[in-house]
Amino acid sequence: MFERESRQIQGIHDAYSAKQQAEYKAQHDAIATEVARLMGEGAEITDQVVQEQIKQHYEFICQFWKPNKQAYKSLALTYVLDPAFEATYESFAPGLAKYIKSAIEIWADENLS
């Protein structure tokens, strides 16, 4: 299952220019870096500052696709189940994949239908 999804994501990725890919990566990395920093400082996933970063993550995702609550939570689940996604988040800080997944679940429950 994840192999097929990874190929689909790669196909989408290939549709953007190198400049666009770099811009999207920078946006994503800024969010992940900030969430990792907050996690490292001991912020709870329910903390307003963490939840604001998750809102920014959702807005980042919406550049490509506008998920509803269930879809966004499913995406978050891939962050801990798909080795490629997990490695991406874990490269920012150990434990970030699970942390951001849990924070997304809370934000989605409170903000999406």
PDB file of N, CA and C in Angstrom:
ATOM      1  N   MET A   1       0.824  -1.189   0.000  1.00  0.00           N
ATOM      2  CA  MET A   1       0.000   0.000   0.000  1.00  0.00           C
ATOM      3  C   MET A   1       0.869   1.254   0.000  1.00  0.00           C
ATOM      4  N   PHE A   2       1.824   1.355   0.919  1.00  0.00           N
ATOM      5  CA  PHE A   2       2.625   2.570   1.027  1.00  0.00           C
ATOM      6  C   PHE A   2       3.512   2.773  -0.195  1.00  0.00           C
ATOM      7  N   GLU A   3       3.942   1.687  -0.822  1.00  0.00           N
ATOM      8  CA  GLU A   3       4.764   1.806  -2.019  1.00  0.00           C
ATOM      9  C   GLU A   3       3.976   2.511  -3.120  1.00  0.00           C
ATOM     10  N   ARG A   4       2.709   2.132  -3.306  1.00  0.00           N
ATOM     11  CA  ARG A   4       1.866   2.761  -4.319  1.00  0.00           C
ATOM     12  C   ARG A   4       1.679   4.245  -4.003  1.00  0.00           C
ATOM     13  N   GLU A   5       1.394   4.550  -2.738  1.00  0.00           N
ATOM     14  CA  GLU A   5       1.200   5.945  -2.345  1.00  0.00           C
ATOM     15  C   GLU A   5       2.481   6.741  -2.531  1.00  0.00           C
ATOM     16  N   SER A   6       3.624   6.134  -2.214  1.00  0.00           N
ATOM     17  CA  SER A   6       4.899   6.823  -2.391  1.00  0.00           C
ATOM     18  C   SER A   6       5.139   7.128  -3.863  1.00  0.00           C
ATOM     19  N   ARG A   7       4.784   6.208  -4.754  1.00  0.00           N
ATOM     20  CA  ARG A   7       4.921   6.456  -6.192  1.00  0.00           C
ATOM     21  C   ARG A   7       3.997   7.585  -6.637  1.00  0.00           C
ATOM     22  N   GLN A   8       2.776   7.624  -6.091  1.00  0.00           N
ATOM     23  CA  GLN A   8       1.843   8.696  -6.449  1.00  0.00           C
ATOM     24  C   GLN A   8       2.390  10.042  -5.992  1.00  0.00           C
ATOM     25  N   ILE A   9       2.915  10.080  -4.792  1.00  0.00           N
ATOM     26  CA  ILE A   9       3.491  11.328  -4.270  1.00  0.00           C
ATOM     27  C   ILE A   9       4.669  11.751  -5.131  1.00  0.00           C
ATOM     28  N   GLN A  10       5.515  10.799  -5.512  1.00  0.00           N
ATOM     29  CA  GLN A  10       6.657  11.120  -6.372  1.00  0.00           C
ATOM     30  C   GLN A  10       6.168  11.677  -7.702  1.00  0.00           C
ATOM     31  N   GLY A  11       5.097  11.117  -8.248  1.00  0.00           N
ATOM     32  CA  GLY A  11       4.544  11.615  -9.498  1.00  0.00           C
ATOM     33  C   GLY A  11       4.073  13.052  -9.380  1.00  0.00           C
ATOM     34  N   ILE A  12       3.427  13.364  -8.272  1.00  0.00           N
ATOM     35  CA  ILE A  12       2.990  14.737  -8.015  1.00  0.00           C
ATOM     36  C   ILE A  12       4.210  15.642  -7.886  1.00  0.00           C
ATOM     37  N   HIS A  13       5.192  15.183  -7.130  1.00  0.00           N
ATOM     38  CA  HIS A  13       6.424  15.929  -6.910  1.00  0.00           C
ATOM     39  C   HIS A  13       7.092  16.263  -8.240  1.00  0.00           C
ATOM     40  N   ASP A  14       7.133  15.299  -9.158  1.00  0.00           N
ATOM     41  CA  ASP A  14       7.776  15.495 -10.452  1.00  0.00           C
ATOM     42  C   ASP A  14       7.060  16.521 -11.316  1.00  0.00           C
ATOM     43  N   ALA A  15       5.808  16.824 -11.012  1.00  0.00           N
ATOM     44  CA  ALA A  15       5.030  17.773 -11.800  1.00  0.00           C
ATOM     45  C   ALA A  15       5.435  19.228 -11.535  1.00  0.00           C
ATOM     46  N   TYR A  16       6.205  19.468 -10.486  1.00  0.00           N
ATOM     47  CA  TYR A  16       6.607  20.825 -10.122  1.00  0.00           C
ATOM     48  C   TYR A  16       8.038  21.090 -10.563  1.00  0.00           C
ATOM     49  N   SER A  17       8.312  22.348 -10.865  1.00  0.00           N
ATOM     50  CA  SER A  17       9.673  22.735 -11.254  1.00  0.00           C
ATOM     51  C   SER A  17      10.609  22.600 -10.054  1.00  0.00           C
ATOM     52  N   ALA A  18      11.886  22.613 -10.321  1.00  0.00           N
ATOM     53  CA  ALA A  18      12.877  22.529  -9.246  1.00  0.00           C
ATOM     54  C   ALA A  18      12.714  23.706  -8.282  1.00  0.00           C
ATOM     55  N   LYS A  19      12.403  24.882  -8.815  1.00  0.00           N
ATOM     56  CA  LYS A  19      12.205  26.059  -7.963  1.00  0.00           C
ATOM     57  C   LYS A  19      10.984  25.862  -7.063  1.00  0.00           C
ATOM     58  N   GLN A  20       9.880  25.379  -7.640  1.00  0.00           N
ATOM     59  CA  GLN A  20       8.678  25.130  -6.836  1.00  0.00           C
ATOM     60  C   GLN A  20       8.950  24.070  -5.769  1.00  0.00           C
ATOM     61  N   GLN A  21       9.635  23.009  -6.145  1.00  0.00           N
ATOM     62  CA  GLN A  21       9.952  21.956  -5.184  1.00  0.00           C
ATOM     63  C   GLN A  21      10.773  22.517  -4.031  1.00  0.00           C
ATOM     64  N   ALA A  22      11.737  23.361  -4.344  1.00  0.00           N
ATOM     65  CA  ALA A  22      12.574  23.968  -3.297  1.00  0.00           C
ATOM     66  C   ALA A  22      11.740  24.872  -2.387  1.00  0.00           C
ATOM     67  N   GLU A  23      10.808  25.627  -2.977  1.00  0.00           N
ATOM     68  CA  GLU A  23       9.941  26.493  -2.183  1.00  0.00           C
ATOM     69  C   GLU A  23       9.040  25.677  -1.259  1.00  0.00           C
ATOM     70  N   TYR A  24       8.451  24.605  -1.792  1.00  0.00           N
ATOM     71  CA  TYR A  24       7.586  23.757  -0.974  1.00  0.00           C
ATOM     72  C   TYR A  24       8.378  23.080   0.137  1.00  0.00           C
ATOM     73  N   LYS A  25       9.576  22.627  -0.190  1.00  0.00           N
ATOM     74  CA  LYS A  25      10.419  21.979   0.824  1.00  0.00           C
ATOM     75  C   LYS A  25      10.764  22.975   1.931  1.00  0.00           C
ATOM     76  N   ALA A  26      11.086  24.194   1.549  1.00  0.00           N
ATOM     77  CA  ALA A  26      11.418  25.217   2.544  1.00  0.00           C
ATOM     78  C   ALA A  26      10.224  25.511   3.448  1.00  0.00           C
ATOM     79  N   GLN A  27       9.025  25.590   2.863  1.00  0.00           N
ATOM     80  CA  GLN A  27       7.820  25.816   3.672  1.00  0.00           C
ATOM     81  C   GLN A  27       7.615  24.673   4.665  1.00  0.00           C
ATOM     82  N   HIS A  28       7.693  23.455   4.150  1.00  0.00           N
ATOM     83  CA  HIS A  28       7.502  22.283   5.005  1.00  0.00           C
ATOM     84  C   HIS A  28       8.558  22.229   6.104  1.00  0.00           C
ATOM     85  N   ASP A  29       9.808  22.439   5.718  1.00  0.00           N
ATOM     86  CA  ASP A  29      10.900  22.333   6.681  1.00  0.00           C
ATOM     87  C   ASP A  29      10.799  23.395   7.771  1.00  0.00           C
ATOM     88  N   ALA A  30      10.323  24.583   7.422  1.00  0.00           N
ATOM     89  CA  ALA A  30      10.155  25.635   8.436  1.00  0.00           C
ATOM     90  C   ALA A  30       9.118  25.210   9.477  1.00  0.00           C
ATOM     91  N   ILE A  31       8.039  24.622   9.021  1.00  0.00           N
ATOM     92  CA  ILE A  31       6.997  24.148   9.947  1.00  0.00           C
ATOM     93  C   ILE A  31       7.536  23.016  10.803  1.00  0.00           C
ATOM     94  N   ALA A  32       8.154  22.027  10.171  1.00  0.00           N
ATOM     95  CA  ALA A  32       8.680  20.877  10.912  1.00  0.00           C
ATOM     96  C   ALA A  32       9.753  21.299  11.913  1.00  0.00           C
ATOM     97  N   THR A  33      10.599  22.237  11.522  1.00  0.00           N
ATOM     98  CA  THR A  33      11.644  22.729  12.424  1.00  0.00           C
ATOM     99  C   THR A  33      11.037  23.394  13.649  1.00  0.00           C
ATOM    100  N   GLU A  34      10.006  24.199  13.429  1.00  0.00           N
ATOM    101  CA  GLU A  34       9.363  24.889  14.546  1.00  0.00           C
ATOM    102  C   GLU A  34       8.636  23.907  15.462  1.00  0.00           C
ATOM    103  N   VAL A  35       7.947  22.938  14.894  1.00  0.00           N
ATOM    104  CA  VAL A  35       7.259  21.945  15.722  1.00  0.00           C
ATOM    105  C   VAL A  35       8.297  21.126  16.510  1.00  0.00           C
ATOM    106  N   ALA A  36       9.399  20.782  15.871  1.00  0.00           N
ATOM    107  CA  ALA A  36      10.470  20.042  16.565  1.00  0.00           C
ATOM    108  C   ALA A  36      11.030  20.867  17.723  1.00  0.00           C
ATOM    109  N   ARG A  37      11.195  22.163  17.498  1.00  0.00           N
ATOM    110  CA  ARG A  37      11.703  23.042  18.556  1.00  0.00           C
ATOM    111  C   ARG A  37      10.728  23.069  19.735  1.00  0.00           C
ATOM    112  N   LEU A  38       9.459  23.225  19.424  1.00  0.00           N
ATOM    113  CA  LEU A  38       8.445  23.252  20.478  1.00  0.00           C
ATOM    114  C   LEU A  38       8.403  21.933  21.240  1.00  0.00           C
ATOM    115  N   MET A  39       8.471  20.826  20.509  1.00  0.00           N
ATOM    116  CA  MET A  39       8.494  19.524  21.151  1.00  0.00           C
ATOM    117  C   MET A  39       9.710  19.414  22.078  1.00  0.00           C
ATOM    118  N   GLY A  40      10.859  19.857  21.588  1.00  0.00           N
ATOM    119  CA  GLY A  40      12.087  19.818  22.374  1.00  0.00           C
ATOM    120  C   GLY A  40      12.016  20.656  23.634  1.00  0.00           C
ATOM    121  N   GLU A  41      11.226  21.705  23.597  1.00  0.00           N
ATOM    122  CA  GLU A  41      11.039  22.570  24.767  1.00  0.00           C
ATOM    123  C   GLU A  41       9.987  22.006  25.717  1.00  0.00           C
ATOM    124  N   GLY A  42       9.373  20.888  25.333  1.00  0.00           N
ATOM    125  CA  GLY A  42       8.394  20.252  26.207  1.00  0.00           C
ATOM    126  C   GLY A  42       6.966  20.721  26.029  1.00  0.00           C
ATOM    127  N   ALA A  43       6.690  21.427  24.932  1.00  0.00           N
ATOM    128  CA  ALA A  43       5.322  21.898  24.693  1.00  0.00           C
ATOM    129  C   ALA A  43       4.389  20.711  24.487  1.00  0.00           C
ATOM    130  N   GLU A  44       3.234  20.774  25.102  1.00  0.00           N
ATOM    131  CA  GLU A  44       2.210  19.749  24.918  1.00  0.00           C
ATOM    132  C   GLU A  44       1.607  19.891  23.524  1.00  0.00           C
ATOM    133  N   ILE A  45       1.118  18.787  22.969  1.00  0.00           N
ATOM    134  CA  ILE A  45       0.525  18.850  21.629  1.00  0.00           C
ATOM    135  C   ILE A  45      -0.723  19.720  21.591  1.00  0.00           C
ATOM    136  N   THR A  46      -1.323  19.950  22.738  1.00  0.00           N
ATOM    137  CA  THR A  46      -2.511  20.795  22.816  1.00  0.00           C
ATOM    138  C   THR A  46      -2.167  22.279  22.980  1.00  0.00           C
ATOM    139  N   ASP A  47      -0.910  22.590  23.199  1.00  0.00           N
ATOM    140  CA  ASP A  47      -0.475  23.974  23.382  1.00  0.00           C
ATOM    141  C   ASP A  47      -0.888  24.808  22.175  1.00  0.00           C
ATOM    142  N   GLN A  48      -1.374  26.007  22.419  1.00  0.00           N
ATOM    143  CA  GLN A  48      -1.862  26.884  21.352  1.00  0.00           C
ATOM    144  C   GLN A  48      -0.792  27.142  20.299  1.00  0.00           C
ATOM    145  N   VAL A  49       0.460  27.289  20.688  1.00  0.00           N
ATOM    146  CA  VAL A  49       1.532  27.563  19.734  1.00  0.00           C
ATOM    147  C   VAL A  49       1.773  26.344  18.841  1.00  0.00           C
ATOM    148  N   VAL A  50       1.705  25.158  19.414  1.00  0.00           N
ATOM    149  CA  VAL A  50       1.842  23.927  18.621  1.00  0.00           C
ATOM    150  C   VAL A  50       0.670  23.817  17.649  1.00  0.00           C
ATOM    151  N   GLN A  51      -0.521  24.056  18.153  1.00  0.00           N
ATOM    152  CA  GLN A  51      -1.703  23.949  17.310  1.00  0.00           C
ATOM    153  C   GLN A  51      -1.685  24.989  16.176  1.00  0.00           C
ATOM    154  N   GLU A  52      -1.102  26.152  16.410  1.00  0.00           N
ATOM    155  CA  GLU A  52      -0.960  27.151  15.349  1.00  0.00           C
ATOM    156  C   GLU A  52      -0.018  26.628  14.264  1.00  0.00           C
ATOM    157  N   GLN A  53       1.025  25.923  14.652  1.00  0.00           N
ATOM    158  CA  GLN A  53       1.929  25.329  13.662  1.00  0.00           C
ATOM    159  C   GLN A  53       1.211  24.246  12.856  1.00  0.00           C
ATOM    160  N   ILE A  54       0.339  23.496  13.509  1.00  0.00           N
ATOM    161  CA  ILE A  54      -0.424  22.478  12.793  1.00  0.00           C
ATOM    162  C   ILE A  54      -1.377  23.139  11.802  1.00  0.00           C
ATOM    163  N   LYS A  55      -1.952  24.263  12.188  1.00  0.00           N
ATOM    164  CA  LYS A  55      -2.793  25.016  11.244  1.00  0.00           C
ATOM    165  C   LYS A  55      -1.966  25.409  10.020  1.00  0.00           C
ATOM    166  N   GLN A  56      -0.751  25.854  10.250  1.00  0.00           N
ATOM    167  CA  GLN A  56       0.124  26.212   9.136  1.00  0.00           C
ATOM    168  C   GLN A  56       0.450  24.979   8.284  1.00  0.00           C
ATOM    169  N   HIS A  57       0.632  23.836   8.946  1.00  0.00           N
ATOM    170  CA  HIS A  57       0.881  22.593   8.212  1.00  0.00           C
ATOM    171  C   HIS A  57      -0.321  22.269   7.332  1.00  0.00           C
ATOM    172  N   TYR A  58      -1.526  22.385   7.884  1.00  0.00           N
ATOM    173  CA  TYR A  58      -2.738  22.121   7.106  1.00  0.00           C
ATOM    174  C   TYR A  58      -2.813  23.066   5.912  1.00  0.00           C
ATOM    175  N   GLU A  59      -2.536  24.339   6.123  1.00  0.00           N
ATOM    176  CA  GLU A  59      -2.558  25.308   5.028  1.00  0.00           C
ATOM    177  C   GLU A  59      -1.511  24.966   3.973  1.00  0.00           C
ATOM    178  N   PHE A  60      -0.362  24.468   4.422  1.00  0.00           N
ATOM    179  CA  PHE A  60       0.663  24.017   3.485  1.00  0.00           C
ATOM    180  C   PHE A  60       0.126  22.868   2.630  1.00  0.00           C
ATOM    181  N   ILE A  61      -0.498  21.886   3.278  1.00  0.00           N
ATOM    182  CA  ILE A  61      -1.069  20.737   2.572  1.00  0.00           C
ATOM    183  C   ILE A  61      -2.140  21.199   1.580  1.00  0.00           C
ATOM    184  N   CYS A  62      -2.910  22.200   1.957  1.00  0.00           N
ATOM    185  CA  CYS A  62      -4.005  22.675   1.104  1.00  0.00           C
ATOM    186  C   CYS A  62      -3.524  23.298  -0.207  1.00  0.00           C
ATOM    187  N   GLN A  63      -2.240  23.551  -0.341  1.00  0.00           N
ATOM    188  CA  GLN A  63      -1.703  24.014  -1.622  1.00  0.00           C
ATOM    189  C   GLN A  63      -1.817  22.917  -2.684  1.00  0.00           C
ATOM    190  N   PHE A  64      -1.903  21.667  -2.219  1.00  0.00           N
ATOM    191  CA  PHE A  64      -1.908  20.516  -3.115  1.00  0.00           C
ATOM    192  C   PHE A  64      -3.240  19.789  -3.128  1.00  0.00           C
ATOM    193  N   TRP A  65      -3.952  19.864  -1.984  1.00  0.00           N
ATOM    194  CA  TRP A  65      -5.152  19.046  -1.793  1.00  0.00           C
ATOM    195  C   TRP A  65      -5.806  19.533  -0.506  1.00  0.00           C
ATOM    196  N   LYS A  66      -7.146  19.603  -0.467  1.00  0.00           N
ATOM    197  CA  LYS A  66      -7.837  20.082   0.724  1.00  0.00           C
ATOM    198  C   LYS A  66      -8.517  18.904   1.423  1.00  0.00           C
ATOM    199  N   PRO A  67      -7.817  18.304   2.387  1.00  0.00           N
ATOM    200  CA  PRO A  67      -8.396  17.142   3.072  1.00  0.00           C
ATOM    201  C   PRO A  67      -9.443  17.529   4.107  1.00  0.00           C
ATOM    202  N   ASN A  68     -10.444  16.649   4.258  1.00  0.00           N
ATOM    203  CA  ASN A  68     -11.390  16.802   5.358  1.00  0.00           C
ATOM    204  C   ASN A  68     -10.743  16.224   6.622  1.00  0.00           C
ATOM    205  N   LYS A  69     -11.492  16.184   7.700  1.00  0.00           N
ATOM    206  CA  LYS A  69     -10.936  15.724   8.980  1.00  0.00           C
ATOM    207  C   LYS A  69     -10.354  14.321   8.873  1.00  0.00           C
ATOM    208  N   GLN A  70     -11.127  13.395   8.356  1.00  0.00           N
ATOM    209  CA  GLN A  70     -10.656  12.009   8.296  1.00  0.00           C
ATOM    210  C   GLN A  70      -9.436  11.862   7.396  1.00  0.00           C
ATOM    211  N   ALA A  71      -9.456  12.540   6.277  1.00  0.00           N
ATOM    212  CA  ALA A  71      -8.326  12.450   5.347  1.00  0.00           C
ATOM    213  C   ALA A  71      -7.055  13.047   5.947  1.00  0.00           C
ATOM    214  N   TYR A  72      -7.190  14.174   6.640  1.00  0.00           N
ATOM    215  CA  TYR A  72      -6.015  14.806   7.260  1.00  0.00           C
ATOM    216  C   TYR A  72      -5.450  13.924   8.371  1.00  0.00           C
ATOM    217  N   LYS A  73      -6.343  13.325   9.156  1.00  0.00           N
ATOM    218  CA  LYS A  73      -5.891  12.417  10.207  1.00  0.00           C
ATOM    219  C   LYS A  73      -5.246  11.159   9.601  1.00  0.00           C
ATOM    220  N   SER A  74      -5.761  10.714   8.470  1.00  0.00           N
ATOM    221  CA  SER A  74      -5.162   9.568   7.785  1.00  0.00           C
ATOM    222  C   SER A  74      -3.771   9.915   7.270  1.00  0.00           C
ATOM    223  N   LEU A  75      -3.626  11.117   6.733  1.00  0.00           N
ATOM    224  CA  LEU A  75      -2.301  11.562   6.308  1.00  0.00           C
ATOM    225  C   LEU A  75      -1.342  11.539   7.492  1.00  0.00           C
ATOM    226  N   ALA A  76      -1.805  12.055   8.627  1.00  0.00           N
ATOM    227  CA  ALA A  76      -0.967  12.077   9.824  1.00  0.00           C
ATOM    228  C   ALA A  76      -0.552  10.668  10.234  1.00  0.00           C
ATOM    229  N   LEU A  77      -1.445   9.722  10.074  1.00  0.00           N
ATOM    230  CA  LEU A  77      -1.124   8.336  10.411  1.00  0.00           C
ATOM    231  C   LEU A  77       0.015   7.813   9.548  1.00  0.00           C
ATOM    232  N   THR A  78       0.063   8.242   8.289  1.00  0.00           N
ATOM    233  CA  THR A  78       1.163   7.785   7.436  1.00  0.00           C
ATOM    234  C   THR A  78       2.511   8.278   7.942  1.00  0.00           C
ATOM    235  N   TYR A  79       2.509   9.345   8.720  1.00  0.00           N
ATOM    236  CA  TYR A  79       3.768   9.878   9.240  1.00  0.00           C
ATOM    237  C   TYR A  79       4.446   8.911  10.201  1.00  0.00           C
ATOM    238  N   VAL A  80       3.679   8.010  10.790  1.00  0.00           N
ATOM    239  CA  VAL A  80       4.274   7.009  11.684  1.00  0.00           C
ATOM    240  C   VAL A  80       4.281   5.609  11.069  1.00  0.00           C
ATOM    241  N   LEU A  81       3.473   5.379  10.043  1.00  0.00           N
ATOM    242  CA  LEU A  81       3.394   4.040   9.445  1.00  0.00           C
ATOM    243  C   LEU A  81       4.258   3.880   8.195  1.00  0.00           C
ATOM    244  N   ASP A  82       4.404   4.931   7.419  1.00  0.00           N
ATOM    245  CA  ASP A  82       5.204   4.868   6.199  1.00  0.00           C
ATOM    246  C   ASP A  82       6.652   5.208   6.553  1.00  0.00           C
ATOM    247  N   PRO A  83       7.571   4.289   6.322  1.00  0.00           N
ATOM    248  CA  PRO A  83       8.973   4.539   6.706  1.00  0.00           C
ATOM    249  C   PRO A  83       9.566   5.808   6.100  1.00  0.00           C
ATOM    250  N   ALA A  84       9.185   6.162   4.879  1.00  0.00           N
ATOM    251  CA  ALA A  84       9.729   7.369   4.263  1.00  0.00           C
ATOM    252  C   ALA A  84       9.245   8.630   4.971  1.00  0.00           C
ATOM    253  N   PHE A  85       7.938   8.694   5.253  1.00  0.00           N
ATOM    254  CA  PHE A  85       7.411   9.844   5.988  1.00  0.00           C
ATOM    255  C   PHE A  85       8.003   9.898   7.389  1.00  0.00           C
ATOM    256  N   GLU A  86       8.045   8.754   8.045  1.00  0.00           N
ATOM    257  CA  GLU A  86       8.583   8.725   9.408  1.00  0.00           C
ATOM    258  C   GLU A  86      10.028   9.223   9.417  1.00  0.00           C
ATOM    259  N   ALA A  87      10.835   8.762   8.483  1.00  0.00           N
ATOM    260  CA  ALA A  87      12.239   9.181   8.416  1.00  0.00           C
ATOM    261  C   ALA A  87      12.353  10.685   8.189  1.00  0.00           C
ATOM    262  N   THR A  88      11.458  11.223   7.374  1.00  0.00           N
ATOM    263  CA  THR A  88      11.491  12.664   7.130  1.00  0.00           C
ATOM    264  C   THR A  88      11.311  13.430   8.434  1.00  0.00           C
ATOM    265  N   TYR A  89      10.275  13.091   9.189  1.00  0.00           N
ATOM    266  CA  TYR A  89      10.020  13.820  10.433  1.00  0.00           C
ATOM    267  C   TYR A  89      11.047  13.502  11.510  1.00  0.00           C
ATOM    268  N   GLU A  90      11.474  12.268  11.578  1.00  0.00           N
ATOM    269  CA  GLU A  90      12.469  11.895  12.585  1.00  0.00           C
ATOM    270  C   GLU A  90      13.813  12.566  12.316  1.00  0.00           C
ATOM    271  N   SER A  91      14.064  12.993  11.072  1.00  0.00           N
ATOM    272  CA  SER A  91      15.320  13.683  10.762  1.00  0.00           C
ATOM    273  C   SER A  91      15.368  15.066  11.415  1.00  0.00           C
ATOM    274  N   PHE A  92      14.213  15.615  11.748  1.00  0.00           N
ATOM    275  CA  PHE A  92      14.174  16.902  12.442  1.00  0.00           C
ATOM    276  C   PHE A  92      14.394  16.724  13.937  1.00  0.00           C
ATOM    277  N   ALA A  93      13.828  15.645  14.496  1.00  0.00           N
ATOM    278  CA  ALA A  93      13.991  15.343  15.922  1.00  0.00           C
ATOM    279  C   ALA A  93      13.412  13.959  16.193  1.00  0.00           C
ATOM    280  N   PRO A  94      14.102  13.165  16.983  1.00  0.00           N
ATOM    281  CA  PRO A  94      13.542  11.853  17.344  1.00  0.00           C
ATOM    282  C   PRO A  94      12.198  12.028  18.051  1.00  0.00           C
ATOM    283  N   GLY A  95      11.208  11.283  17.595  1.00  0.00           N
ATOM    284  CA  GLY A  95       9.879  11.353  18.186  1.00  0.00           C
ATOM    285  C   GLY A  95       8.946  12.331  17.510  1.00  0.00           C
ATOM    286  N   LEU A  96       9.458  13.101  16.532  1.00  0.00           N
ATOM    287  CA  LEU A  96       8.612  14.125  15.906  1.00  0.00           C
ATOM    288  C   LEU A  96       7.466  13.524  15.106  1.00  0.00           C
ATOM    289  N   ALA A  97       7.674  12.389  14.466  1.00  0.00           N
ATOM    290  CA  ALA A  97       6.598  11.798  13.657  1.00  0.00           C
ATOM    291  C   ALA A  97       5.369  11.519  14.522  1.00  0.00           C
ATOM    292  N   LYS A  98       5.570  10.903  15.655  1.00  0.00           N
ATOM    293  CA  LYS A  98       4.442  10.588  16.542  1.00  0.00           C
ATOM    294  C   LYS A  98       3.844  11.872  17.131  1.00  0.00           C
ATOM    295  N   TYR A  99       4.692  12.802  17.508  1.00  0.00           N
ATOM    296  CA  TYR A  99       4.255  14.068  18.104  1.00  0.00           C
ATOM    297  C   TYR A  99       3.372  14.841  17.122  1.00  0.00           C
ATOM    298  N   ILE A 100       3.849  15.003  15.886  1.00  0.00           N
ATOM    299  CA  ILE A 100       3.082  15.785  14.912  1.00  0.00           C
ATOM    300  C   ILE A 100       1.803  15.050  14.526  1.00  0.00           C
ATOM    301  N   LYS A 101       1.849  13.728  14.453  1.00  0.00           N
ATOM    302  CA  LYS A 101       0.641  12.940  14.176  1.00  0.00           C
ATOM    303  C   LYS A 101      -0.412  13.224  15.236  1.00  0.00           C
ATOM    304  N   SER A 102      -0.020  13.157  16.488  1.00  0.00           N
ATOM    305  CA  SER A 102      -0.963  13.384  17.590  1.00  0.00           C
ATOM    306  C   SER A 102      -1.486  14.813  17.598  1.00  0.00           C
ATOM    307  N   ALA A 103      -0.619  15.768  17.307  1.00  0.00           N
ATOM    308  CA  ALA A 103      -1.042  17.172  17.264  1.00  0.00           C
ATOM    309  C   ALA A 103      -2.018  17.406  16.113  1.00  0.00           C
ATOM    310  N   ILE A 104      -1.777  16.769  14.985  1.00  0.00           N
ATOM    311  CA  ILE A 104      -2.691  16.893  13.843  1.00  0.00           C
ATOM    312  C   ILE A 104      -4.058  16.323  14.193  1.00  0.00           C
ATOM    313  N   GLU A 105      -4.090  15.186  14.862  1.00  0.00           N
ATOM    314  CA  GLU A 105      -5.372  14.581  15.228  1.00  0.00           C
ATOM    315  C   GLU A 105      -6.205  15.538  16.075  1.00  0.00           C
ATOM    316  N   ILE A 106      -5.580  16.214  17.010  1.00  0.00           N
ATOM    317  CA  ILE A 106      -6.299  17.173  17.860  1.00  0.00           C
ATOM    318  C   ILE A 106      -6.786  18.361  17.030  1.00  0.00           C
ATOM    319  N   TRP A 107      -5.880  18.917  16.214  1.00  0.00           N
ATOM    320  CA  TRP A 107      -6.269  20.072  15.405  1.00  0.00           C
ATOM    321  C   TRP A 107      -7.414  19.709  14.461  1.00  0.00           C
ATOM    322  N   ALA A 108      -7.313  18.562  13.822  1.00  0.00           N
ATOM    323  CA  ALA A 108      -8.352  18.134  12.883  1.00  0.00           C
ATOM    324  C   ALA A 108      -9.690  17.962  13.578  1.00  0.00           C
ATOM    325  N   ASP A 109      -9.683  17.337  14.753  1.00  0.00           N
ATOM    326  CA  ASP A 109     -10.932  17.150  15.496  1.00  0.00           C
ATOM    327  C   ASP A 109     -11.592  18.471  15.865  1.00  0.00           C
ATOM    328  N   GLU A 110     -10.772  19.477  16.132  1.00  0.00           N
ATOM    329  CA  GLU A 110     -11.300  20.767  16.569  1.00  0.00           C
ATOM    330  C   GLU A 110     -11.620  21.726  15.418  1.00  0.00           C
ATOM    331  N   ASN A 111     -11.066  21.466  14.230  1.00  0.00           N
ATOM    332  CA  ASN A 111     -11.180  22.467  13.170  1.00  0.00           C
ATOM    333  C   ASN A 111     -11.753  21.986  11.845  1.00  0.00           C
ATOM    334  N   LEU A 112     -11.884  20.690  11.671  1.00  0.00           N
ATOM    335  CA  LEU A 112     -12.361  20.171  10.383  1.00  0.00           C
ATOM    336  C   LEU A 112     -13.611  19.325  10.576  1.00  0.00           C
ATOM    337  N   SER A 113     -14.343  19.174   9.494  1.00  0.00           N
ATOM    338  CA  SER A 113     -15.540  18.325   9.550  1.00  0.00           C
ATOM    339  C   SER A 113     -15.383  17.164   8.592  1.00  0.00           C
TER     340      SER A 113
END
